[in-house]
Protein backbone atom coordinates (compact mmCIF):
# COMPACT_ATOMS: atom_id res chain seq x y z
CA MET A 1 0.00 0.00 0.00
CA GLY A 2 3.06 2.26 -0.03
CA ASP A 3 4.74 4.30 2.67
CA GLU A 4 1.96 6.88 2.93
CA PRO A 5 -1.20 5.84 4.73
CA ARG A 6 -4.42 6.20 2.77
CA HIS A 7 -8.05 6.01 3.66
CA ASN A 8 -9.65 2.65 2.99
CA ILE A 9 -13.31 1.76 2.60
CA LEU A 10 -14.15 1.76 6.32
CA ASP A 11 -12.52 5.18 6.80
CA LYS A 12 -15.00 6.70 4.35
CA LEU A 13 -18.01 5.86 6.49
CA GLU A 14 -19.82 8.13 8.93
CA PRO A 15 -21.23 6.91 12.27
CA ILE A 16 -24.93 6.04 12.19
CA GLN A 17 -26.99 9.13 13.05
CA LEU A 18 -30.44 8.46 14.46
CA THR A 19 -33.14 10.97 13.82
CA LYS A 20 -34.70 12.70 16.80
CA SER A 21 -38.00 10.88 16.24
CA LYS A 22 -36.17 7.54 16.17
CA VAL A 23 -34.31 8.33 19.40
CA ASP A 24 -37.51 9.49 21.07
CA ALA A 25 -39.29 6.33 19.95
CA ASP A 26 -36.52 4.11 21.29
CA ASN A 27 -36.34 5.92 24.62
CA ALA A 28 -40.06 6.24 25.15
CA SER A 29 -41.54 4.10 27.88
CA PRO A 30 -44.32 1.79 26.72
CA SER A 31 -47.80 2.68 27.81
CA PRO A 32 -49.64 0.36 30.20
CA GLN A 33 -51.84 -0.74 27.31
CA ASP A 34 -48.81 -1.61 25.15
CA SER A 35 -47.18 -3.43 28.05
CA LYS A 36 -50.33 -5.45 28.53
CA LYS A 37 -50.34 -6.44 24.87
CA LEU A 38 -46.69 -7.41 24.96
CA ARG A 39 -47.25 -9.57 28.03
CA LEU A 40 -50.47 -11.05 26.58
CA GLY A 41 -52.41 -9.93 29.61
CA PRO A 42 -51.41 -9.84 33.28
CA ARG A 43 -53.85 -12.61 34.18
CA TRP A 44 -51.99 -15.16 32.05
CA ARG A 45 -50.09 -16.72 34.90
CA ARG A 46 -47.85 -19.73 34.67
CA TRP A 47 -50.57 -22.29 35.37
CA LYS A 48 -52.64 -21.03 32.45
CA TRP A 49 -49.72 -21.46 30.07
CA PHE A 50 -49.20 -24.91 31.51
CA ALA A 51 -52.87 -25.77 30.89
CA LEU A 52 -52.68 -24.43 27.34
CA ASP A 53 -49.54 -26.45 26.63
CA ALA A 54 -51.16 -29.56 28.10
CA VAL A 55 -54.22 -29.18 25.86
CA ALA A 56 -52.04 -28.61 22.79
CA SER A 57 -49.91 -31.63 23.68
CA LEU A 58 -52.98 -33.85 24.08
CA LEU A 59 -54.49 -32.74 20.78
CA TRP A 60 -51.26 -33.26 18.86
CA SER A 61 -50.64 -36.62 20.57
CA TYR A 62 -54.13 -37.73 19.56
CA ALA A 63 -53.57 -36.59 15.96
CA ILE A 64 -50.22 -38.40 15.72
CA LEU A 65 -51.62 -41.59 17.24
CA ARG A 66 -54.58 -41.51 14.87
CA LEU A 67 -52.23 -41.04 11.92
CA LEU A 68 -49.50 -43.52 12.83
CA VAL A 69 -51.15 -46.08 15.12
CA GLY A 70 -54.83 -46.36 14.31
CA ASP A 71 -58.29 -45.84 15.74
CA VAL A 72 -57.05 -45.34 19.31
CA ASP A 73 -60.19 -43.56 20.50
CA ARG A 74 -62.32 -46.54 19.48
CA TRP A 75 -59.94 -48.88 21.31
CA VAL A 76 -60.18 -46.79 24.48
CA VAL A 77 -63.98 -46.48 24.36
CA SER A 78 -64.40 -50.21 23.67
CA ALA A 79 -62.32 -50.98 26.76
CA VAL A 80 -63.89 -48.37 29.06
CA ALA A 81 -67.49 -47.94 27.84
CA PRO A 82 -68.38 -50.32 24.99
CA GLY A 83 -71.98 -49.13 24.90
CA PHE A 84 -70.95 -45.66 23.69
CA GLN A 85 -68.94 -46.72 20.65
CA TRP A 86 -71.74 -45.46 18.37
CA LEU A 87 -70.85 -41.88 19.36
CA LEU A 88 -67.52 -42.23 17.56
CA ASP A 89 -69.36 -42.51 14.25
CA TYR A 90 -70.31 -38.85 14.70
CA ARG A 91 -66.94 -37.59 15.91
CA PHE A 92 -66.60 -35.18 12.97
CA PHE A 93 -69.76 -33.32 13.98
CA GLY A 94 -68.66 -33.32 17.61
CA ILE A 95 -65.30 -31.80 16.71
CA LEU A 96 -67.02 -29.23 14.49
CA LEU A 97 -69.43 -28.26 17.27
CA LEU A 98 -66.67 -28.03 19.88
CA THR A 99 -64.54 -25.87 17.58
CA SER A 100 -67.43 -23.48 16.95
CA ILE A 101 -68.19 -23.16 20.66
CA LEU A 102 -64.56 -22.40 21.43
CA LEU A 103 -64.36 -19.78 18.67
CA ILE A 104 -67.48 -18.09 20.07
CA ALA A 105 -66.18 -18.24 23.64
CA ILE A 106 -62.69 -16.93 22.84
CA ARG A 107 -62.44 -13.19 23.29
CA LYS A 108 -60.94 -11.00 20.61
CA ASP A 109 -57.73 -10.41 22.55
CA LYS A 110 -57.25 -14.20 22.81
CA SER A 111 -57.83 -14.91 19.12
CA TRP A 112 -54.22 -16.12 18.82
CA LEU A 113 -55.01 -19.27 20.87
CA PRO A 114 -56.09 -21.49 17.93
CA LEU A 115 -52.97 -20.46 16.01
CA TYR A 116 -50.82 -21.28 19.06
CA VAL A 117 -52.30 -24.78 19.29
CA SER A 118 -52.00 -25.33 15.53
CA LEU A 119 -48.31 -24.38 15.48
CA PHE A 120 -47.46 -25.97 18.84
CA PRO A 121 -44.79 -28.42 17.53
CA LEU A 122 -42.95 -25.56 15.80
CA ILE A 123 -43.29 -23.39 18.91
CA VAL A 124 -41.75 -26.16 21.03
CA LEU A 125 -38.91 -26.71 18.56
CA PHE A 126 -38.00 -23.11 17.79
CA TRP A 127 -39.08 -21.29 20.96
CA LYS A 128 -39.61 -23.39 24.06
CA ILE A 129 -36.52 -25.60 23.74
CA PRO A 130 -34.11 -22.70 22.88
CA ARG A 131 -35.70 -20.60 25.66
CA ALA A 132 -35.23 -23.40 28.19
CA LEU A 133 -31.60 -23.82 27.12
CA LYS A 134 -31.05 -20.06 27.42
CA LYS A 135 -32.49 -20.07 30.94
CA ARG A 136 -30.12 -22.88 31.88
CA GLY A 137 -27.23 -20.81 30.55
CA SER A 138 -25.31 -23.96 29.61
CA TRP A 139 -23.69 -24.19 26.19
CA THR A 140 -22.68 -27.76 27.01
CA LEU A 141 -26.33 -28.75 27.36
CA ALA A 142 -27.22 -26.83 24.19
CA LEU A 143 -24.47 -28.62 22.26
CA GLY A 144 -25.74 -31.90 23.65
CA VAL A 145 -29.17 -31.17 22.16
CA ILE A 146 -27.53 -30.17 18.86
CA HIS A 147 -25.50 -33.41 18.99
CA ILE A 148 -28.71 -35.43 19.31
CA ILE A 149 -30.39 -33.53 16.47
CA VAL A 150 -27.38 -33.81 14.14
CA THR A 151 -26.96 -37.51 14.86
CA SER A 152 -30.66 -38.07 14.18
CA MET A 153 -30.45 -36.18 10.89
CA GLN A 154 -27.35 -38.10 9.81
CA SER A 155 -29.18 -41.40 10.28
CA PHE A 156 -32.57 -40.08 9.16
CA LYS A 157 -32.64 -42.05 5.89
CA TYR A 158 -31.72 -45.30 7.60
CA ALA A 159 -34.15 -44.64 10.45
CA VAL A 160 -37.09 -44.06 8.08
CA ILE A 161 -36.34 -47.12 5.96
CA ALA A 162 -35.65 -49.34 8.97
CA GLY A 163 -38.74 -48.06 10.76
CA THR A 164 -40.88 -48.79 7.72
CA VAL A 165 -39.52 -52.33 7.39
CA ALA A 166 -39.99 -52.95 11.12
CA ALA A 167 -43.57 -51.64 11.05
CA PHE A 168 -44.51 -54.00 8.21
CA CYS A 169 -42.80 -56.88 10.01
CA PHE A 170 -44.77 -56.14 13.20
CA LEU A 171 -47.99 -55.91 11.18
CA ALA A 172 -47.30 -59.20 9.41
CA ILE A 173 -46.61 -61.04 12.67
CA ALA A 174 -49.63 -59.55 14.44
CA ALA A 175 -52.15 -60.00 11.62
CA SER A 176 -51.02 -63.09 9.72
CA SER A 177 -50.90 -66.81 10.42
CA VAL A 178 -49.26 -67.81 7.12
CA THR A 179 -45.93 -69.52 7.77
CA PRO A 180 -43.90 -67.93 4.90
CA ILE A 181 -45.09 -64.45 5.88
CA LEU A 182 -44.27 -65.01 9.56
CA ALA A 183 -40.85 -66.45 8.71
CA THR A 184 -40.02 -63.56 6.35
CA ALA A 185 -41.06 -60.97 8.95
CA SER A 186 -38.93 -62.67 11.62
CA VAL A 187 -35.89 -62.72 9.33
CA GLY A 188 -36.49 -59.04 8.55
CA LEU A 189 -36.52 -58.11 12.25
CA LEU A 190 -33.34 -60.11 12.84
CA ALA A 191 -31.63 -58.38 9.91
CA LEU A 192 -32.61 -54.95 11.25
CA TRP A 193 -31.36 -55.89 14.70
CA PHE A 194 -27.93 -56.96 13.42
CA ALA A 195 -27.72 -53.84 11.25
CA SER A 196 -28.39 -51.70 14.34
CA LEU A 197 -25.71 -53.57 16.29
CA TYR A 198 -23.22 -52.98 13.49
CA LYS A 199 -23.97 -49.24 13.32
CA ALA A 200 -23.70 -48.90 17.10
CA PHE A 201 -20.43 -50.84 17.21
CA ARG A 202 -18.93 -48.70 14.45
CA TYR A 203 -20.07 -45.48 16.12
CA ALA A 204 -18.57 -46.57 19.46
CA PHE A 205 -15.08 -46.51 17.92
CA ALA A 206 -15.51 -43.00 16.52
CA PRO A 207 -16.85 -40.75 19.29
CA ALA A 208 -15.28 -37.68 17.66
CA ARG A 209 -17.56 -37.90 14.61
CA PHE A 210 -19.74 -35.04 15.84
CA VAL A 211 -16.75 -32.72 16.31
CA ILE A 212 -15.34 -33.70 12.91
CA ALA A 213 -18.72 -33.07 11.28
CA GLN A 214 -18.83 -29.58 12.83
CA ARG A 215 -15.35 -28.87 11.49
CA GLN A 216 -16.41 -29.87 7.99
CA MET A 217 -19.56 -27.75 8.18
CA LEU A 218 -17.66 -24.66 9.37
CA SER A 219 -14.95 -25.15 6.75
CA ARG A 220 -17.56 -25.36 3.98
CA LEU A 221 -19.25 -22.20 5.26
CA LEU A 222 -16.12 -20.07 5.46
CA SER A 223 -14.85 -21.23 2.07
CA SER A 224 -18.17 -21.18 0.25
CA LYS A 225 -18.33 -18.94 -2.78
CA ALA A 226 -21.69 -17.49 -1.74
CA PHE A 227 -20.43 -16.39 1.71
CA LEU A 228 -17.18 -14.96 0.33
CA ASN A 229 -19.08 -13.01 -2.34
CA PHE A 230 -21.44 -11.67 0.32
CA VAL A 231 -18.69 -10.28 2.58
CA THR A 232 -16.43 -9.01 -0.24
CA PRO A 233 -16.70 -5.25 -0.87
CA ASP A 234 -17.47 -4.11 -4.41
CA GLU A 235 -14.48 -2.99 -6.43
CA ALA A 236 -16.30 0.24 -7.28
CA TRP A 237 -16.13 1.20 -3.60
CA ARG A 238 -12.33 1.32 -3.78
CA ASP A 239 -12.38 4.30 -6.13
CA PRO A 240 -9.93 6.84 -4.59
CA ALA A 241 -12.11 9.65 -5.88
CA ILE A 242 -14.78 8.74 -3.32
CA VAL A 243 -14.42 10.85 -0.20
CA LYS A 244 -17.46 9.72 1.80
CA PHE A 245 -20.13 7.13 1.17
CA ASP A 246 -23.80 7.92 1.48
CA SER A 247 -25.85 6.18 4.17
CA GLN A 248 -27.21 3.48 1.83
CA VAL A 249 -23.79 2.34 0.60
CA GLY A 250 -22.35 2.76 4.08
CA SER A 251 -24.98 0.40 5.48
CA GLN A 252 -24.09 -2.19 2.83
CA ILE A 253 -20.39 -1.95 3.63
CA MET A 254 -20.95 -2.30 7.37
CA THR A 255 -23.23 -5.29 6.80
CA ARG A 256 -20.65 -7.07 4.64
CA ALA A 257 -17.72 -6.32 6.92
CA GLY A 258 -19.78 -7.11 10.00
CA PHE A 259 -20.95 -10.50 8.80
CA GLY A 260 -17.43 -11.35 7.69
CA LEU A 261 -16.20 -10.49 11.17
CA MET A 262 -19.11 -12.46 12.61
CA GLY A 263 -18.04 -15.53 10.63
CA TYR A 264 -14.55 -15.30 12.11
CA ARG A 265 -15.75 -14.81 15.68
CA VAL A 266 -18.30 -17.63 15.37
CA SER A 267 -15.59 -20.01 14.14
CA GLN A 268 -13.42 -19.25 17.19
CA PHE A 269 -16.37 -19.35 19.59
CA TRP A 270 -17.70 -22.63 18.17
CA ALA A 271 -14.27 -24.27 18.29
CA TYR A 272 -13.91 -23.32 21.96
CA ARG A 273 -17.41 -24.52 22.89
CA LEU A 274 -16.91 -27.82 21.05
CA ASP A 275 -13.66 -28.32 22.93
CA VAL A 276 -15.45 -27.75 26.25
CA TYR A 277 -18.31 -30.04 25.19
CA ARG A 278 -16.16 -32.98 24.13
CA ARG A 279 -14.26 -32.76 27.44
CA SER A 280 -17.54 -32.97 29.36
CA ASN A 281 -19.42 -36.14 30.27
CA PHE A 282 -22.48 -35.28 28.19
CA ALA A 283 -21.23 -37.07 25.09
CA VAL A 284 -20.50 -40.16 27.19
CA ILE A 285 -24.00 -40.05 28.69
CA PHE A 286 -25.53 -39.61 25.23
CA SER A 287 -23.65 -42.66 23.94
CA ALA A 288 -24.71 -44.72 26.96
CA LEU A 289 -28.36 -43.74 26.44
CA SER A 290 -28.14 -44.94 22.84
CA VAL A 291 -27.26 -48.39 24.21
CA VAL A 292 -30.41 -48.25 26.35
CA GLY A 293 -32.37 -47.52 23.17
CA LEU A 294 -30.81 -50.57 21.53
CA MET A 295 -31.87 -52.72 24.47
CA LEU A 296 -35.46 -51.54 23.99
CA GLN A 297 -35.22 -52.38 20.28
CA ALA A 298 -33.91 -55.85 21.17
CA LEU A 299 -36.79 -56.46 23.59
CA ILE A 300 -39.45 -55.48 21.04
CA SER A 301 -37.80 -57.36 18.17
CA PHE A 302 -37.31 -60.63 20.05
CA THR A 303 -40.85 -60.42 21.47
CA PHE A 304 -42.36 -60.37 17.98
CA ILE A 305 -39.91 -62.98 16.68
CA ASN A 306 -40.86 -65.36 19.49
CA VAL A 307 -44.55 -64.73 18.83
CA ALA A 308 -43.98 -65.54 15.15
CA ILE A 309 -42.17 -68.78 16.03
CA PHE A 310 -45.02 -69.74 18.36
CA LYS A 311 -47.58 -69.07 15.61
CA ILE A 312 -45.62 -71.20 13.14
CA ASP A 313 -45.01 -74.09 15.54
CA PRO A 314 -46.50 -73.92 19.06
CA THR A 315 -44.55 -77.05 20.05
CA GLN A 316 -41.32 -75.01 20.01
CA TYR A 317 -42.25 -73.82 23.52
CA ASP A 318 -43.49 -75.49 26.66
CA THR A 319 -46.19 -73.10 27.86
CA SER A 320 -48.44 -72.90 30.87
CA GLY A 321 -51.04 -70.18 31.23
CA SER A 322 -51.22 -67.08 29.04
CA THR A 323 -49.23 -66.85 25.80
CA GLY A 324 -50.04 -63.26 24.88
CA TYR A 325 -47.66 -60.49 23.84
CA ALA A 326 -47.09 -59.42 27.45
CA MET A 327 -45.93 -62.90 28.45
CA PHE A 328 -43.67 -63.21 25.41
CA ALA A 329 -42.22 -59.77 26.21
CA TYR A 330 -41.47 -61.01 29.73
CA TYR A 331 -39.90 -64.17 28.29
CA SER A 332 -37.81 -62.16 25.79
CA PHE A 333 -36.60 -59.83 28.53
CA ALA A 334 -35.51 -62.83 30.59
CA SER A 335 -33.78 -64.34 27.54
CA LEU A 336 -31.77 -61.17 27.00
CA PHE A 337 -30.30 -61.58 30.47
CA VAL A 338 -29.87 -65.37 30.13
CA SER A 339 -32.71 -66.12 32.52
CA GLU A 340 -35.90 -68.18 32.36
CA VAL A 341 -39.58 -67.85 33.18
CA SER A 342 -41.84 -70.63 34.34
CA ALA A 343 -44.70 -69.84 31.94
CA ILE A 344 -42.66 -70.23 28.72
CA ALA A 345 -39.62 -72.41 28.04
CA PRO A 346 -37.96 -73.31 24.72
CA VAL A 347 -37.99 -77.05 24.01
CA LYS A 348 -37.03 -77.24 20.33
CA GLY A 349 -34.21 -76.00 18.15
CA VAL A 350 -35.52 -72.73 16.68
CA ALA A 351 -36.87 -71.41 19.99
CA ALA A 352 -33.67 -72.41 21.79
CA ALA A 353 -31.59 -70.73 19.07
CA MET A 354 -33.53 -67.49 19.54
CA GLN A 355 -32.92 -67.65 23.29
CA ILE A 356 -29.18 -68.12 22.71
CA LEU A 357 -29.17 -65.31 20.15
CA ALA A 358 -30.90 -63.00 22.63
CA GLY A 359 -28.27 -63.75 25.26
CA PHE A 360 -25.52 -63.18 22.69
CA SER A 361 -27.11 -59.84 21.77
CA ILE A 362 -27.00 -58.55 25.32
CA ALA A 363 -23.33 -59.57 25.52
CA VAL A 364 -22.62 -57.54 22.37
CA LEU A 365 -24.56 -54.61 23.82
CA LEU A 366 -22.50 -54.71 27.00
CA LEU A 367 -19.34 -54.77 24.87
CA ILE A 368 -20.59 -51.75 22.92
CA LEU A 369 -21.31 -49.97 26.21
CA VAL A 370 -17.79 -50.67 27.50
CA VAL A 371 -16.20 -49.53 24.23
CA THR A 372 -18.41 -46.43 24.16
CA LEU A 373 -17.50 -45.46 27.72
CA TYR A 374 -13.81 -46.14 27.14
CA PHE A 375 -13.49 -44.09 23.96
CA GLY A 376 -15.88 -41.44 25.27
CA ILE A 377 -13.81 -40.91 28.42
CA ARG A 378 -10.66 -41.03 26.33
CA GLN A 379 -12.07 -38.32 24.07
CA SER A 380 -12.80 -36.16 27.11
CA LYS A 381 -9.16 -36.47 28.17
CA ALA A 382 -7.02 -36.53 25.05
CA ASP A 383 -8.44 -37.68 21.74
CA GLU A 384 -6.10 -36.99 18.84
CA SER A 385 -8.80 -36.87 16.16
CA ALA A 386 -10.95 -34.47 18.21
CA ASN A 387 -7.94 -32.29 19.03
CA GLU A 388 -6.97 -32.14 15.36
CA ALA A 389 -10.52 -31.27 14.32
CA ILE A 390 -10.76 -28.39 16.81
CA LYS A 391 -7.27 -27.17 15.94
CA GLU A 392 -8.20 -27.19 12.26
CA MET A 393 -11.36 -25.19 13.02
CA ARG A 394 -9.29 -22.51 14.73
CA THR A 395 -6.74 -22.52 11.93
CA ARG A 396 -9.46 -22.22 9.30
CA GLY A 397 -10.95 -19.30 11.21
CA ASP A 398 -7.58 -17.56 11.34
CA GLU A 399 -7.11 -18.11 7.62
CA PHE A 400 -10.49 -16.53 6.96
CA ALA A 401 -9.50 -13.63 9.23
CA GLY A 402 -6.49 -13.07 6.98
CA VAL A 403 -8.72 -13.03 3.90
CA LEU A 404 -11.09 -10.55 5.57
CA SER A 405 -8.21 -8.33 6.65
CA ARG A 406 -6.91 -8.14 3.08
CA MET A 407 -10.41 -7.34 1.80
CA TYR A 408 -10.79 -4.34 4.13
CA GLU A 409 -7.08 -3.48 4.49
CA ARG A 410 -7.24 -3.58 8.27
CA PRO A 411 -6.36 -6.16 10.97
CA ILE A 412 -9.33 -7.93 12.49
CA ASP A 413 -9.18 -5.99 15.76
CA GLU A 414 -9.20 -2.68 13.87
CA ILE A 415 -12.18 -3.77 11.78
CA PHE A 416 -14.05 -4.54 15.00
CA ALA A 417 -13.03 -1.21 16.53
CA ARG A 418 -14.12 0.68 13.42
CA LEU A 419 -17.50 -1.06 13.31
CA SER A 420 -17.94 -0.25 17.01
CA TYR A 421 -17.29 3.41 16.29
CA LEU A 422 -19.67 3.38 13.33
CA GLY A 423 -22.45 1.79 15.41
CA TRP A 424 -23.11 -1.47 13.59
CA ASP A 425 -26.43 -3.07 14.58
CA LEU A 426 -25.08 -6.48 15.72
CA LEU A 427 -22.32 -5.23 18.01
CA GLY A 428 -24.06 -6.84 20.99
CA VAL A 429 -23.73 -10.28 19.41
CA MET A 430 -20.10 -9.60 18.55
CA GLY A 431 -19.41 -8.50 22.10
CA TYR A 432 -21.01 -11.64 23.52
CA LEU A 433 -18.91 -13.87 21.25
CA SER A 434 -15.72 -12.00 22.14
CA ARG A 435 -16.39 -12.14 25.88
CA ASN A 436 -16.96 -15.89 25.77
CA ILE A 437 -13.72 -16.80 24.02
CA PRO A 438 -11.18 -17.18 26.85
CA GLU A 439 -8.10 -16.52 24.74
CA PRO A 440 -7.78 -13.53 22.42
CA PRO A 441 -8.07 -14.89 18.88
CA LEU A 442 -5.12 -14.50 16.56
CA ASN A 443 -5.26 -11.44 14.38
CA GLY A 444 -5.45 -12.22 10.70
CA GLN A 445 -3.23 -10.03 8.60
């Protein structure tokens, strides 16, 4: 740039000047009526929100059960009051009448209630859960939730396909008495069970996969063409003939420089939080809970397999008393832990083989649990792959800082200082990120 200093793009900007009306509007105290609207009424105490959430949860649970399980209301009425089943034939008119009564009863200032119930799952996902995490003030817990969500999304395709296959296998065993269909469904459940064991065993040896995935995501973001184009200033703005930018161009420049700086700070902040998270015990607990989920899958799978074997050949078991699903679930649970029950006992080859296979499965699960705990604790102490991933995240952030510094011809700290002077809108977020990074980040040049 030569020996003589020259003004760069950021030097040609003026601080944001608020109009008097804007300042007065920002400083004005809200009226009691406005405060009441913002708080949705002073009488809406905690128990009323709890009641509203309970009603929304019940309605959505009913809708999901009706969609995925079946005619649950008819099952309940047939068990509790069989004489009133005829009322269910007119449920549509009952729902229509109840909805109309509620709409008439709801006051105008509570007209948002139906919308709240309709969007309740989205409200829970995007408002209640983040709000609860914010109240806890724990980034480790928040990252644990993100870990669960990311892991679920990574295995979403397999989960949907496996769940579909399992559902059809359960249906075939419950509804059919044809030997080929029962045998095929049993083999399908066994195949799914071994596939789940394989995935769990492979995951147990790679506990740093979540950290590595975050590194890859951040690297793609900082090096993406779209993001770089967004934060790069236009070449026309470098014209030395320009003395000062107008407010419209100045706002664009601050936005681009600010989001570039935000990308750098987020990379450093995220690397630090991931390092804290992987050293905590949350990842170990999450892995251990996944083993509990596998045990539940084993119990359900072997219950239906044993029922199918009993339907094909009842002489495979020596039974006394009830042979319903509950008893076979009890028998399968005992088989997993190499135990026996008096009501059901295997007496022929296939049933005995299933009992041995169930005991073998629990042994594999215990091995997976031991491996998971070992590598999880090792990761919390000193895991080379996790350390390398976090180090690479910091390095990639520093490299991006260098790119940003060359774009705006200022070191990172000076860009931040200049944006602070100019009054950029998201300075509060930048300040929070900076305060929560224990070590000063390296300045990109």
